[in-house]
Amino acid sequence: MFTIAIDGPSGSGKSTAAKATARRLGCRYLDTGAMYRAAAVGCMSAGLTEPADVAQFCCDMDLDISTDPDRAGVTLGGVDVTDAIRDPEVSAWVSRIAVNPDCRTELVRRQRELLASDSFVVEGRDITTVVAPDADVRVLLTADEAERMARRGAELGGRVDEAGLRDQVVRRDKDDSTLVNFTVAADGVATIDSTFLTPGEVVDQILMLARSAGITVR
């Protein structure tokens, strides 16, 4: 089994690169951010705002997430929340989960449990340093702020104005970076700047690292 860990700020292209890499390698894919978003959806629905209540929800929640790179799917308590977790309101709320240390501890535990079960390409913000510091390949994927905002805007199909985009991309990164550094590569982590690269070129660079680590690329 192997693990390829990809970290980076919002809009750097982590999800696109990670899914495509998983397809090329014939392995599973994990979007850890979707787990935080699902927890946010649950807390919002239940009207939970106190940190202790939010932490308890994260520990107790019945969460199931697809690890198929070709099939997105997230269920919470048996309810499909695949679309709900991408709502702009959830994006504005999710940092409450991310900055709650008890929530992070529980979600990291679940993530490690999944990664121990099979070969994975996993992406998030603390994968290379906290969740899987011993991954076979560790990558920090970056891009400049203007490009990241443009990508997130395209992803949301114009549903969010510039102020909303800045909140999702810049403010969220600032909040989350108080807990984990995903702007500077740790020792042993390769940096890929995707600002002027196509998605295919990003994947090619990741696969080159995978080959160097002894992973068979189809």
N, C-alpha and C. Protein backbone atom coordinates (compact mmCIF):
# COMPACT_ATOMS: atom_id res chain seq x y z
N MET A 1 0.84 -1.19 0.00
CA MET A 1 0.00 0.00 0.00
C MET A 1 0.88 1.24 0.00
N PHE A 2 0.32 2.33 -0.50
CA PHE A 2 1.05 3.59 -0.51
C PHE A 2 0.09 4.73 -0.21
N THR A 3 0.68 5.86 0.17
CA THR A 3 -0.09 7.08 0.41
C THR A 3 0.60 8.25 -0.28
N ILE A 4 -0.18 9.01 -1.04
CA ILE A 4 0.29 10.26 -1.62
C ILE A 4 -0.50 11.37 -0.96
N ALA A 5 0.20 12.27 -0.28
CA ALA A 5 -0.44 13.33 0.49
C ALA A 5 -0.26 14.67 -0.21
N ILE A 6 -1.37 15.39 -0.37
CA ILE A 6 -1.33 16.68 -1.04
C ILE A 6 -1.98 17.74 -0.15
N ASP A 7 -1.22 18.76 0.18
CA ASP A 7 -1.72 19.89 0.96
C ASP A 7 -1.74 21.13 0.08
N GLY A 8 -2.40 22.17 0.58
CA GLY A 8 -2.38 23.44 -0.13
C GLY A 8 -3.55 24.33 0.23
N PRO A 9 -3.46 25.60 -0.12
CA PRO A 9 -4.53 26.55 0.18
C PRO A 9 -5.73 26.37 -0.74
N SER A 10 -6.82 27.08 -0.44
CA SER A 10 -8.03 27.02 -1.25
C SER A 10 -7.74 27.44 -2.69
N GLY A 11 -8.29 26.70 -3.64
CA GLY A 11 -8.17 27.07 -5.04
C GLY A 11 -6.84 26.73 -5.68
N SER A 12 -6.00 25.98 -4.98
CA SER A 12 -4.70 25.63 -5.57
C SER A 12 -4.80 24.47 -6.54
N GLY A 13 -5.95 23.80 -6.56
CA GLY A 13 -6.16 22.69 -7.49
C GLY A 13 -5.97 21.32 -6.87
N LYS A 14 -6.04 21.25 -5.54
CA LYS A 14 -5.80 19.98 -4.84
C LYS A 14 -6.76 18.88 -5.27
N SER A 15 -8.05 19.18 -5.28
CA SER A 15 -9.03 18.14 -5.57
C SER A 15 -8.89 17.61 -6.99
N THR A 16 -8.74 18.52 -7.95
CA THR A 16 -8.60 18.10 -9.34
C THR A 16 -7.36 17.22 -9.50
N ALA A 17 -6.24 17.66 -8.94
CA ALA A 17 -5.00 16.92 -9.07
C ALA A 17 -5.07 15.58 -8.34
N ALA A 18 -5.64 15.58 -7.14
CA ALA A 18 -5.69 14.35 -6.35
C ALA A 18 -6.58 13.30 -7.01
N LYS A 19 -7.74 13.70 -7.50
CA LYS A 19 -8.63 12.75 -8.17
C LYS A 19 -7.97 12.16 -9.41
N ALA A 20 -7.38 13.04 -10.23
CA ALA A 20 -6.75 12.57 -11.46
C ALA A 20 -5.58 11.64 -11.16
N THR A 21 -4.82 11.95 -10.13
CA THR A 21 -3.69 11.10 -9.75
C THR A 21 -4.19 9.74 -9.27
N ALA A 22 -5.25 9.74 -8.48
CA ALA A 22 -5.82 8.47 -8.00
C ALA A 22 -6.31 7.61 -9.16
N ARG A 23 -6.91 8.25 -10.16
CA ARG A 23 -7.36 7.49 -11.33
C ARG A 23 -6.17 6.85 -12.05
N ARG A 24 -5.11 7.61 -12.23
CA ARG A 24 -3.93 7.10 -12.93
C ARG A 24 -3.29 5.94 -12.16
N LEU A 25 -3.35 6.00 -10.84
CA LEU A 25 -2.72 4.97 -10.02
C LEU A 25 -3.66 3.83 -9.66
N GLY A 26 -4.94 4.00 -9.99
CA GLY A 26 -5.92 2.96 -9.68
C GLY A 26 -6.12 2.76 -8.19
N CYS A 27 -6.06 3.86 -7.43
CA CYS A 27 -6.20 3.75 -5.98
C CYS A 27 -7.37 4.60 -5.49
N ARG A 28 -7.53 4.68 -4.20
CA ARG A 28 -8.63 5.42 -3.60
C ARG A 28 -8.23 6.87 -3.38
N TYR A 29 -9.26 7.69 -3.19
CA TYR A 29 -9.08 9.14 -3.04
C TYR A 29 -9.85 9.62 -1.82
N LEU A 30 -9.22 10.49 -1.03
CA LEU A 30 -9.90 11.03 0.14
C LEU A 30 -9.78 12.55 0.17
N ASP A 31 -10.94 13.19 0.22
CA ASP A 31 -11.02 14.65 0.38
C ASP A 31 -11.31 14.92 1.85
N THR A 32 -10.28 15.24 2.61
CA THR A 32 -10.49 15.46 4.04
C THR A 32 -11.31 16.71 4.31
N GLY A 33 -11.23 17.69 3.41
CA GLY A 33 -12.03 18.89 3.58
C GLY A 33 -13.51 18.60 3.57
N ALA A 34 -13.93 17.58 2.81
CA ALA A 34 -15.35 17.21 2.77
C ALA A 34 -15.82 16.72 4.13
N MET A 35 -14.92 16.13 4.88
CA MET A 35 -15.29 15.65 6.22
C MET A 35 -15.56 16.83 7.15
N TYR A 36 -14.72 17.86 7.06
CA TYR A 36 -14.95 19.06 7.86
C TYR A 36 -16.24 19.76 7.44
N ARG A 37 -16.49 19.79 6.14
CA ARG A 37 -17.70 20.43 5.64
C ARG A 37 -18.95 19.68 6.09
N ALA A 38 -18.88 18.35 6.07
CA ALA A 38 -20.03 17.56 6.51
C ALA A 38 -20.33 17.84 7.98
N ALA A 39 -19.28 17.93 8.79
CA ALA A 39 -19.49 18.25 10.20
C ALA A 39 -20.13 19.62 10.36
N ALA A 40 -19.71 20.57 9.51
CA ALA A 40 -20.30 21.90 9.56
C ALA A 40 -21.78 21.87 9.21
N VAL A 41 -22.14 21.09 8.19
CA VAL A 41 -23.55 20.96 7.81
C VAL A 41 -24.36 20.43 8.99
N GLY A 42 -23.84 19.41 9.64
CA GLY A 42 -24.56 18.82 10.76
C GLY A 42 -24.74 19.79 11.92
N CYS A 43 -23.68 20.53 12.24
CA CYS A 43 -23.77 21.49 13.34
C CYS A 43 -24.71 22.64 13.00
N MET A 44 -24.66 23.10 11.76
CA MET A 44 -25.58 24.16 11.34
C MET A 44 -27.02 23.69 11.44
N SER A 45 -27.28 22.47 10.98
CA SER A 45 -28.65 21.94 11.00
C SER A 45 -29.16 21.78 12.42
N ALA A 46 -28.26 21.43 13.33
CA ALA A 46 -28.66 21.21 14.72
C ALA A 46 -28.61 22.49 15.55
N GLY A 47 -28.14 23.58 14.95
CA GLY A 47 -28.05 24.84 15.67
C GLY A 47 -26.99 24.86 16.75
N LEU A 48 -25.92 24.09 16.54
CA LEU A 48 -24.86 24.02 17.55
C LEU A 48 -23.80 25.09 17.28
N THR A 49 -23.47 25.85 18.31
CA THR A 49 -22.46 26.89 18.16
C THR A 49 -21.39 26.83 19.25
N GLU A 50 -21.73 26.29 20.42
CA GLU A 50 -20.75 26.21 21.50
C GLU A 50 -19.65 25.21 21.14
N PRO A 51 -18.39 25.56 21.34
CA PRO A 51 -17.29 24.67 20.96
C PRO A 51 -17.41 23.25 21.51
N ALA A 52 -17.85 23.11 22.74
CA ALA A 52 -17.98 21.78 23.33
C ALA A 52 -19.05 20.96 22.62
N ASP A 53 -20.16 21.61 22.26
CA ASP A 53 -21.23 20.91 21.56
C ASP A 53 -20.80 20.53 20.15
N VAL A 54 -20.08 21.43 19.51
CA VAL A 54 -19.58 21.14 18.16
C VAL A 54 -18.60 19.96 18.20
N ALA A 55 -17.72 19.94 19.18
CA ALA A 55 -16.76 18.85 19.33
C ALA A 55 -17.47 17.53 19.57
N GLN A 56 -18.50 17.54 20.41
CA GLN A 56 -19.23 16.31 20.70
C GLN A 56 -19.93 15.80 19.45
N PHE A 57 -20.47 16.71 18.66
CA PHE A 57 -21.12 16.31 17.41
C PHE A 57 -20.12 15.60 16.51
N CYS A 58 -18.92 16.18 16.38
CA CYS A 58 -17.90 15.58 15.51
C CYS A 58 -17.53 14.18 15.97
N CYS A 59 -17.47 13.99 17.27
CA CYS A 59 -17.11 12.67 17.81
C CYS A 59 -18.21 11.64 17.58
N ASP A 60 -19.47 12.08 17.60
CA ASP A 60 -20.60 11.16 17.52
C ASP A 60 -21.16 10.98 16.12
N MET A 61 -20.82 11.86 15.17
CA MET A 61 -21.51 11.85 13.89
C MET A 61 -21.29 10.56 13.10
N ASP A 62 -22.37 10.14 12.45
CA ASP A 62 -22.36 8.97 11.58
C ASP A 62 -22.05 9.47 10.17
N LEU A 63 -20.78 9.40 9.78
CA LEU A 63 -20.31 9.98 8.53
C LEU A 63 -19.80 8.89 7.59
N ASP A 64 -20.23 8.97 6.35
CA ASP A 64 -19.73 8.05 5.33
C ASP A 64 -19.32 8.88 4.11
N ILE A 65 -18.10 8.65 3.63
CA ILE A 65 -17.59 9.43 2.50
C ILE A 65 -17.05 8.50 1.43
N SER A 66 -17.41 8.77 0.19
CA SER A 66 -16.92 7.95 -0.92
C SER A 66 -15.42 8.15 -1.09
N THR A 67 -14.72 7.06 -1.38
CA THR A 67 -13.29 7.15 -1.68
C THR A 67 -13.01 6.73 -3.12
N ASP A 68 -14.05 6.79 -3.94
CA ASP A 68 -13.93 6.53 -5.37
C ASP A 68 -13.68 7.86 -6.08
N PRO A 69 -12.55 8.02 -6.78
CA PRO A 69 -12.27 9.32 -7.42
C PRO A 69 -13.28 9.69 -8.50
N ASP A 70 -14.08 8.71 -8.95
CA ASP A 70 -15.08 8.99 -9.99
C ASP A 70 -16.48 9.15 -9.44
N ARG A 71 -16.63 9.05 -8.12
CA ARG A 71 -17.98 9.16 -7.55
C ARG A 71 -17.94 9.92 -6.24
N ALA A 72 -18.37 11.17 -6.29
CA ALA A 72 -18.46 11.96 -5.06
C ALA A 72 -19.67 11.50 -4.26
N GLY A 73 -19.53 11.43 -2.98
CA GLY A 73 -20.66 11.03 -2.15
C GLY A 73 -20.35 11.20 -0.68
N VAL A 74 -21.19 11.94 0.03
CA VAL A 74 -21.03 12.14 1.46
C VAL A 74 -22.40 12.00 2.10
N THR A 75 -22.52 11.11 3.09
CA THR A 75 -23.77 10.98 3.82
C THR A 75 -23.50 11.24 5.30
N LEU A 76 -24.44 11.89 5.94
CA LEU A 76 -24.35 12.23 7.36
C LEU A 76 -25.63 11.75 8.02
N GLY A 77 -25.50 10.80 8.93
CA GLY A 77 -26.68 10.24 9.56
C GLY A 77 -27.62 9.61 8.56
N GLY A 78 -27.07 9.05 7.49
CA GLY A 78 -27.87 8.42 6.45
C GLY A 78 -28.46 9.36 5.44
N VAL A 79 -28.21 10.66 5.58
CA VAL A 79 -28.74 11.68 4.67
C VAL A 79 -27.64 12.12 3.70
N ASP A 80 -27.96 12.16 2.43
CA ASP A 80 -27.00 12.58 1.41
C ASP A 80 -26.76 14.09 1.52
N VAL A 81 -25.53 14.47 1.83
CA VAL A 81 -25.18 15.90 1.95
C VAL A 81 -24.11 16.28 0.93
N THR A 82 -23.98 15.48 -0.13
CA THR A 82 -22.94 15.70 -1.14
C THR A 82 -23.00 17.11 -1.71
N ASP A 83 -24.20 17.57 -2.05
CA ASP A 83 -24.35 18.92 -2.59
C ASP A 83 -24.35 19.98 -1.49
N ALA A 84 -24.94 19.65 -0.36
CA ALA A 84 -25.07 20.63 0.72
C ALA A 84 -23.72 21.10 1.24
N ILE A 85 -22.72 20.23 1.25
CA ILE A 85 -21.42 20.63 1.81
C ILE A 85 -20.71 21.68 0.96
N ARG A 86 -21.17 21.86 -0.29
CA ARG A 86 -20.54 22.85 -1.16
C ARG A 86 -21.27 24.19 -1.15
N ASP A 87 -22.29 24.30 -0.34
CA ASP A 87 -23.03 25.56 -0.25
C ASP A 87 -22.11 26.66 0.29
N PRO A 88 -22.17 27.87 -0.29
CA PRO A 88 -21.32 28.97 0.20
C PRO A 88 -21.46 29.24 1.69
N GLU A 89 -22.66 29.04 2.22
CA GLU A 89 -22.87 29.28 3.66
C GLU A 89 -22.05 28.31 4.49
N VAL A 90 -21.91 27.08 4.00
CA VAL A 90 -21.10 26.09 4.70
C VAL A 90 -19.62 26.50 4.65
N SER A 91 -19.19 27.01 3.51
CA SER A 91 -17.81 27.46 3.38
C SER A 91 -17.48 28.55 4.38
N ALA A 92 -18.46 29.40 4.66
CA ALA A 92 -18.25 30.48 5.62
C ALA A 92 -18.23 29.96 7.06
N TRP A 93 -18.83 28.80 7.29
CA TRP A 93 -19.01 28.27 8.65
C TRP A 93 -17.93 27.24 9.01
N VAL A 94 -17.34 26.59 8.01
CA VAL A 94 -16.53 25.39 8.25
C VAL A 94 -15.30 25.65 9.11
N SER A 95 -14.80 26.88 9.13
CA SER A 95 -13.62 27.15 9.95
C SER A 95 -13.89 26.93 11.44
N ARG A 96 -15.16 27.00 11.86
CA ARG A 96 -15.47 26.73 13.26
C ARG A 96 -15.12 25.28 13.61
N ILE A 97 -15.25 24.40 12.63
CA ILE A 97 -14.85 23.02 12.83
C ILE A 97 -13.33 22.92 12.80
N ALA A 98 -12.73 23.59 11.81
CA ALA A 98 -11.29 23.48 11.61
C ALA A 98 -10.47 24.00 12.78
N VAL A 99 -10.98 25.05 13.43
CA VAL A 99 -10.21 25.63 14.54
C VAL A 99 -10.55 25.01 15.90
N ASN A 100 -11.47 24.05 15.91
CA ASN A 100 -11.83 23.37 17.15
C ASN A 100 -10.88 22.19 17.33
N PRO A 101 -9.96 22.23 18.30
CA PRO A 101 -8.95 21.18 18.42
C PRO A 101 -9.52 19.79 18.64
N ASP A 102 -10.64 19.69 19.36
CA ASP A 102 -11.24 18.38 19.60
C ASP A 102 -11.83 17.81 18.31
N CYS A 103 -12.41 18.67 17.49
CA CYS A 103 -12.92 18.22 16.18
C CYS A 103 -11.77 17.73 15.32
N ARG A 104 -10.68 18.49 15.28
CA ARG A 104 -9.54 18.10 14.46
C ARG A 104 -8.98 16.75 14.92
N THR A 105 -8.88 16.55 16.23
CA THR A 105 -8.36 15.28 16.74
C THR A 105 -9.21 14.11 16.27
N GLU A 106 -10.53 14.26 16.35
CA GLU A 106 -11.42 13.19 15.93
C GLU A 106 -11.36 12.94 14.43
N LEU A 107 -11.36 14.01 13.65
CA LEU A 107 -11.34 13.83 12.20
C LEU A 107 -10.01 13.27 11.72
N VAL A 108 -8.92 13.70 12.34
CA VAL A 108 -7.61 13.13 12.00
C VAL A 108 -7.60 11.63 12.31
N ARG A 109 -8.17 11.26 13.44
CA ARG A 109 -8.25 9.83 13.79
C ARG A 109 -8.98 9.05 12.71
N ARG A 110 -10.12 9.57 12.26
CA ARG A 110 -10.89 8.88 11.22
C ARG A 110 -10.11 8.82 9.91
N GLN A 111 -9.42 9.89 9.59
CA GLN A 111 -8.66 9.93 8.34
C GLN A 111 -7.53 8.90 8.36
N ARG A 112 -6.81 8.83 9.46
CA ARG A 112 -5.73 7.86 9.56
C ARG A 112 -6.25 6.43 9.48
N GLU A 113 -7.41 6.20 10.06
CA GLU A 113 -8.02 4.87 10.01
C GLU A 113 -8.32 4.47 8.57
N LEU A 114 -8.84 5.41 7.79
CA LEU A 114 -9.11 5.13 6.38
C LEU A 114 -7.81 4.87 5.61
N LEU A 115 -6.82 5.72 5.82
CA LEU A 115 -5.57 5.60 5.07
C LEU A 115 -4.85 4.29 5.36
N ALA A 116 -5.07 3.74 6.53
CA ALA A 116 -4.42 2.47 6.89
C ALA A 116 -5.05 1.27 6.20
N SER A 117 -6.19 1.49 5.53
CA SER A 117 -6.93 0.37 4.95
C SER A 117 -6.59 0.07 3.51
N ASP A 118 -5.93 1.01 2.79
CA ASP A 118 -5.70 0.81 1.35
C ASP A 118 -4.73 1.88 0.86
N SER A 119 -4.42 1.82 -0.45
CA SER A 119 -3.61 2.87 -1.08
C SER A 119 -4.49 4.07 -1.36
N PHE A 120 -3.97 5.27 -1.07
CA PHE A 120 -4.76 6.48 -1.18
C PHE A 120 -3.96 7.64 -1.76
N VAL A 121 -4.67 8.51 -2.48
CA VAL A 121 -4.24 9.88 -2.69
C VAL A 121 -5.16 10.71 -1.81
N VAL A 122 -4.59 11.45 -0.89
CA VAL A 122 -5.39 12.18 0.09
C VAL A 122 -5.00 13.65 0.05
N GLU A 123 -6.00 14.51 0.13
CA GLU A 123 -5.72 15.95 0.06
C GLU A 123 -6.41 16.71 1.17
N GLY A 124 -5.76 17.83 1.55
CA GLY A 124 -6.31 18.67 2.61
C GLY A 124 -5.37 19.81 2.94
N ARG A 125 -5.24 20.12 4.23
CA ARG A 125 -4.39 21.23 4.66
C ARG A 125 -3.31 20.78 5.64
N ASP A 126 -3.51 19.63 6.27
CA ASP A 126 -2.54 19.18 7.26
C ASP A 126 -2.14 17.73 7.02
N ILE A 127 -2.24 17.29 5.78
CA ILE A 127 -1.99 15.88 5.49
C ILE A 127 -0.50 15.56 5.55
N THR A 128 0.33 16.42 4.95
CA THR A 128 1.76 16.12 4.88
C THR A 128 2.48 16.27 6.21
N THR A 129 1.87 16.99 7.14
CA THR A 129 2.55 17.27 8.41
C THR A 129 1.89 16.61 9.62
N VAL A 130 0.57 16.38 9.57
CA VAL A 130 -0.15 15.88 10.74
C VAL A 130 -0.78 14.51 10.47
N VAL A 131 -1.60 14.43 9.42
CA VAL A 131 -2.35 13.19 9.17
C VAL A 131 -1.45 12.07 8.67
N ALA A 132 -0.61 12.37 7.69
CA ALA A 132 0.24 11.33 7.10
C ALA A 132 1.66 11.84 6.86
N PRO A 133 2.38 12.19 7.93
CA PRO A 133 3.73 12.73 7.75
C PRO A 133 4.71 11.71 7.18
N ASP A 134 4.35 10.42 7.20
CA ASP A 134 5.21 9.38 6.66
C ASP A 134 4.73 8.89 5.29
N ALA A 135 3.89 9.69 4.63
CA ALA A 135 3.39 9.30 3.30
C ALA A 135 4.55 9.09 2.34
N ASP A 136 4.34 8.21 1.35
CA ASP A 136 5.38 7.91 0.37
C ASP A 136 5.74 9.13 -0.47
N VAL A 137 4.72 9.94 -0.78
CA VAL A 137 4.92 11.18 -1.52
C VAL A 137 4.17 12.28 -0.80
N ARG A 138 4.85 13.40 -0.56
CA ARG A 138 4.20 14.54 0.10
C ARG A 138 4.39 15.78 -0.76
N VAL A 139 3.27 16.44 -1.06
CA VAL A 139 3.28 17.58 -1.97
C VAL A 139 2.54 18.76 -1.36
N LEU A 140 3.13 19.95 -1.50
CA LEU A 140 2.42 21.19 -1.19
C LEU A 140 2.09 21.85 -2.53
N LEU A 141 0.80 21.93 -2.84
CA LEU A 141 0.35 22.51 -4.11
C LEU A 141 -0.08 23.96 -3.86
N THR A 142 0.54 24.89 -4.57
CA THR A 142 0.27 26.30 -4.36
C THR A 142 -0.16 26.97 -5.66
N ALA A 143 -0.62 28.21 -5.54
CA ALA A 143 -0.93 29.06 -6.69
C ALA A 143 -1.09 30.46 -6.15
N ASP A 144 -0.91 31.48 -6.99
CA ASP A 144 -1.04 32.83 -6.46
C ASP A 144 -2.50 33.15 -6.16
N GLU A 145 -2.71 34.19 -5.32
CA GLU A 145 -4.04 34.49 -4.80
C GLU A 145 -5.05 34.79 -5.89
N ALA A 146 -4.67 35.57 -6.89
CA ALA A 146 -5.61 35.93 -7.96
C ALA A 146 -6.08 34.69 -8.71
N GLU A 147 -5.16 33.80 -8.99
CA GLU A 147 -5.51 32.57 -9.70
C GLU A 147 -6.40 31.68 -8.85
N ARG A 148 -6.11 31.61 -7.57
CA ARG A 148 -6.93 30.77 -6.69
C ARG A 148 -8.35 31.30 -6.59
N MET A 149 -8.50 32.61 -6.50
CA MET A 149 -9.84 33.19 -6.44
C MET A 149 -10.58 32.97 -7.75
N ALA A 150 -9.88 33.09 -8.87
CA ALA A 150 -10.53 32.87 -10.17
C ALA A 150 -11.02 31.43 -10.30
N ARG A 151 -10.21 30.50 -9.85
CA ARG A 151 -10.60 29.08 -9.93
C ARG A 151 -11.80 28.79 -9.05
N ARG A 152 -11.79 29.32 -7.83
CA ARG A 152 -12.93 29.07 -6.94
C ARG A 152 -14.19 29.72 -7.47
N GLY A 153 -14.05 30.90 -8.07
CA GLY A 153 -15.21 31.56 -8.67
C GLY A 153 -15.80 30.74 -9.80
N ALA A 154 -14.94 30.17 -10.64
CA ALA A 154 -15.41 29.33 -11.74
C ALA A 154 -16.09 28.07 -11.20
N GLU A 155 -15.53 27.52 -10.14
CA GLU A 155 -16.10 26.32 -9.53
C GLU A 155 -17.50 26.58 -9.00
N LEU A 156 -17.72 27.79 -8.48
CA LEU A 156 -19.02 28.14 -7.90
C LEU A 156 -19.99 28.70 -8.93
N GLY A 157 -19.53 28.81 -10.17
CA GLY A 157 -20.42 29.24 -11.24
C GLY A 157 -21.01 30.62 -11.07
N GLY A 158 -20.25 31.55 -10.47
CA GLY A 158 -20.73 32.92 -10.33
C GLY A 158 -21.74 33.12 -9.22
N ARG A 159 -21.92 32.12 -8.36
CA ARG A 159 -22.91 32.24 -7.27
C ARG A 159 -22.43 33.12 -6.12
N VAL A 160 -21.12 33.44 -6.11
CA VAL A 160 -20.55 34.22 -5.01
C VAL A 160 -19.83 35.44 -5.58
N ASP A 161 -20.06 36.61 -4.96
CA ASP A 161 -19.40 37.82 -5.44
C ASP A 161 -17.95 37.85 -4.98
N GLU A 162 -17.23 38.92 -5.35
CA GLU A 162 -15.80 38.98 -5.04
C GLU A 162 -15.54 38.96 -3.54
N ALA A 163 -16.40 39.65 -2.78
CA ALA A 163 -16.22 39.67 -1.32
C ALA A 163 -16.40 38.27 -0.74
N GLY A 164 -17.38 37.55 -1.28
CA GLY A 164 -17.61 36.19 -0.82
C GLY A 164 -16.47 35.26 -1.18
N LEU A 165 -15.92 35.45 -2.38
CA LEU A 165 -14.78 34.64 -2.80
C LEU A 165 -13.58 34.90 -1.90
N ARG A 166 -13.36 36.18 -1.61
CA ARG A 166 -12.22 36.52 -0.76
C ARG A 166 -12.39 35.91 0.63
N ASP A 167 -13.63 35.87 1.11
CA ASP A 167 -13.89 35.26 2.40
C ASP A 167 -13.57 33.77 2.36
N GLN A 168 -14.02 33.10 1.30
CA GLN A 168 -13.81 31.66 1.18
C GLN A 168 -12.35 31.31 1.00
N VAL A 169 -11.63 32.09 0.20
CA VAL A 169 -10.26 31.75 -0.16
C VAL A 169 -9.25 32.34 0.82
N VAL A 170 -9.29 33.64 1.00
CA VAL A 170 -8.26 34.32 1.80
C VAL A 170 -8.54 34.22 3.30
N ARG A 171 -9.76 34.54 3.70
CA ARG A 171 -10.08 34.51 5.13
C ARG A 171 -9.97 33.10 5.69
N ARG A 172 -10.49 32.10 4.95
CA ARG A 172 -10.41 30.73 5.43
C ARG A 172 -8.97 30.27 5.57
N ASP A 173 -8.15 30.61 4.59
CA ASP A 173 -6.74 30.22 4.68
C ASP A 173 -6.08 30.85 5.90
N LYS A 174 -6.40 32.10 6.14
CA LYS A 174 -5.82 32.80 7.29
C LYS A 174 -6.24 32.14 8.59
N ASP A 175 -7.54 31.81 8.71
CA ASP A 175 -8.03 31.17 9.93
C ASP A 175 -7.37 29.81 10.14
N ASP A 176 -7.36 29.01 9.09
CA ASP A 176 -6.84 27.65 9.23
C ASP A 176 -5.34 27.62 9.45
N SER A 177 -4.64 28.64 8.93
CA SER A 177 -3.18 28.65 9.07
C SER A 177 -2.74 28.95 10.50
N THR A 178 -3.69 29.33 11.37
CA THR A 178 -3.33 29.52 12.78
C THR A 178 -3.08 28.17 13.45
N LEU A 179 -3.58 27.08 12.85
CA LEU A 179 -3.41 25.75 13.43
C LEU A 179 -2.37 24.92 12.71
N VAL A 180 -2.27 25.07 11.40
CA VAL A 180 -1.32 24.27 10.62
C VAL A 180 -0.78 25.11 9.48
N ASN A 181 0.49 24.95 9.18
CA ASN A 181 1.12 25.72 8.12
C ASN A 181 1.02 24.98 6.79
N PHE A 182 0.15 25.45 5.92
CA PHE A 182 0.02 24.83 4.60
C PHE A 182 0.42 25.83 3.51
N THR A 183 1.23 26.80 3.88
CA THR A 183 1.72 27.78 2.91
C THR A 183 3.20 27.61 2.61
N VAL A 184 3.92 26.94 3.51
CA VAL A 184 5.35 26.68 3.32
C VAL A 184 5.58 25.18 3.51
N ALA A 185 6.29 24.58 2.57
CA ALA A 185 6.52 23.13 2.64
C ALA A 185 7.41 22.76 3.81
N ALA A 186 7.02 21.72 4.53
CA ALA A 186 7.85 21.18 5.60
C ALA A 186 9.01 20.40 4.97
N ASP A 187 9.97 20.02 5.78
CA ASP A 187 11.09 19.24 5.28
C ASP A 187 10.61 17.97 4.59
N GLY A 188 11.13 17.69 3.41
CA GLY A 188 10.75 16.49 2.68
C GLY A 188 9.50 16.61 1.85
N VAL A 189 8.86 17.77 1.87
CA VAL A 189 7.63 17.99 1.09
C VAL A 189 7.99 18.77 -0.18
N ALA A 190 7.57 18.24 -1.33
CA ALA A 190 7.84 18.90 -2.61
C ALA A 190 6.79 19.97 -2.87
N THR A 191 7.22 21.13 -3.33
CA THR A 191 6.30 22.23 -3.67
C THR A 191 6.06 22.25 -5.17
N ILE A 192 4.79 22.31 -5.55
CA ILE A 192 4.40 22.48 -6.95
C ILE A 192 3.55 23.73 -7.05
N ASP A 193 4.00 24.71 -7.82
CA ASP A 193 3.23 25.94 -8.04
C ASP A 193 2.40 25.73 -9.30
N SER A 194 1.08 25.70 -9.12
CA SER A 194 0.18 25.39 -10.24
C SER A 194 -0.33 26.63 -10.97
N THR A 195 0.17 27.81 -10.61
CA THR A 195 -0.37 29.05 -11.18
C THR A 195 -0.40 29.02 -12.70
N PHE A 196 0.68 28.58 -13.30
CA PHE A 196 0.77 28.60 -14.76
C PHE A 196 0.82 27.19 -15.36
N LEU A 197 0.36 26.21 -14.60
CA LEU A 197 0.34 24.83 -15.07
C LEU A 197 -1.09 24.38 -15.38
N THR A 198 -1.23 23.52 -16.36
CA THR A 198 -2.52 22.88 -16.60
C THR A 198 -2.72 21.78 -15.56
N PRO A 199 -3.96 21.34 -15.32
CA PRO A 199 -4.16 20.23 -14.40
C PRO A 199 -3.34 19.00 -14.77
N GLY A 200 -3.25 18.72 -16.08
CA GLY A 200 -2.47 17.57 -16.52
C GLY A 200 -1.00 17.70 -16.19
N GLU A 201 -0.47 18.89 -16.29
CA GLU A 201 0.94 19.11 -15.96
C GLU A 201 1.21 18.93 -14.47
N VAL A 202 0.23 19.35 -13.66
CA VAL A 202 0.36 19.15 -12.21
C VAL A 202 0.40 17.65 -11.90
N VAL A 203 -0.51 16.90 -12.50
CA VAL A 203 -0.57 15.46 -12.27
C VAL A 203 0.72 14.80 -12.73
N ASP A 204 1.25 15.22 -13.86
CA ASP A 204 2.50 14.64 -14.36
C ASP A 204 3.63 14.82 -13.35
N GLN A 205 3.67 15.99 -12.71
CA GLN A 205 4.72 16.23 -11.72
C GLN A 205 4.54 15.34 -10.49
N ILE A 206 3.28 15.16 -10.08
CA ILE A 206 3.02 14.28 -8.93
C ILE A 206 3.38 12.84 -9.26
N LEU A 207 3.04 12.40 -10.46
CA LEU A 207 3.36 11.03 -10.87
C LEU A 207 4.86 10.82 -10.99
N MET A 208 5.59 11.84 -11.37
CA MET A 208 7.05 11.75 -11.42
C MET A 208 7.61 11.47 -10.02
N LEU A 209 7.03 12.19 -9.03
CA LEU A 209 7.43 11.95 -7.64
C LEU A 209 7.05 10.55 -7.19
N ALA A 210 5.88 10.10 -7.65
CA ALA A 210 5.43 8.75 -7.28
C ALA A 210 6.39 7.68 -7.83
N ARG A 211 6.81 7.85 -9.07
CA ARG A 211 7.76 6.90 -9.67
C ARG A 211 9.07 6.89 -8.88
N SER A 212 9.51 8.06 -8.49
CA SER A 212 10.76 8.19 -7.74
C SER A 212 10.64 7.49 -6.38
N ALA A 213 9.40 7.39 -5.86
CA ALA A 213 9.17 6.73 -4.58
C ALA A 213 8.91 5.23 -4.74
N GLY A 214 9.00 4.74 -5.97
CA GLY A 214 8.83 3.33 -6.21
C GLY A 214 7.40 2.88 -6.43
N ILE A 215 6.50 3.82 -6.64
CA ILE A 215 5.10 3.50 -6.89
C ILE A 215 4.90 3.23 -8.38
N THR A 216 4.22 2.14 -8.70
CA THR A 216 3.97 1.78 -10.09
C THR A 216 2.89 2.67 -10.69
N VAL A 217 3.21 3.33 -11.78
CA VAL A 217 2.27 4.22 -12.48
C VAL A 217 1.80 3.52 -13.74
N ARG A 218 0.50 3.44 -13.89
CA ARG A 218 -0.06 2.75 -15.07
C ARG A 218 0.17 3.56 -16.34
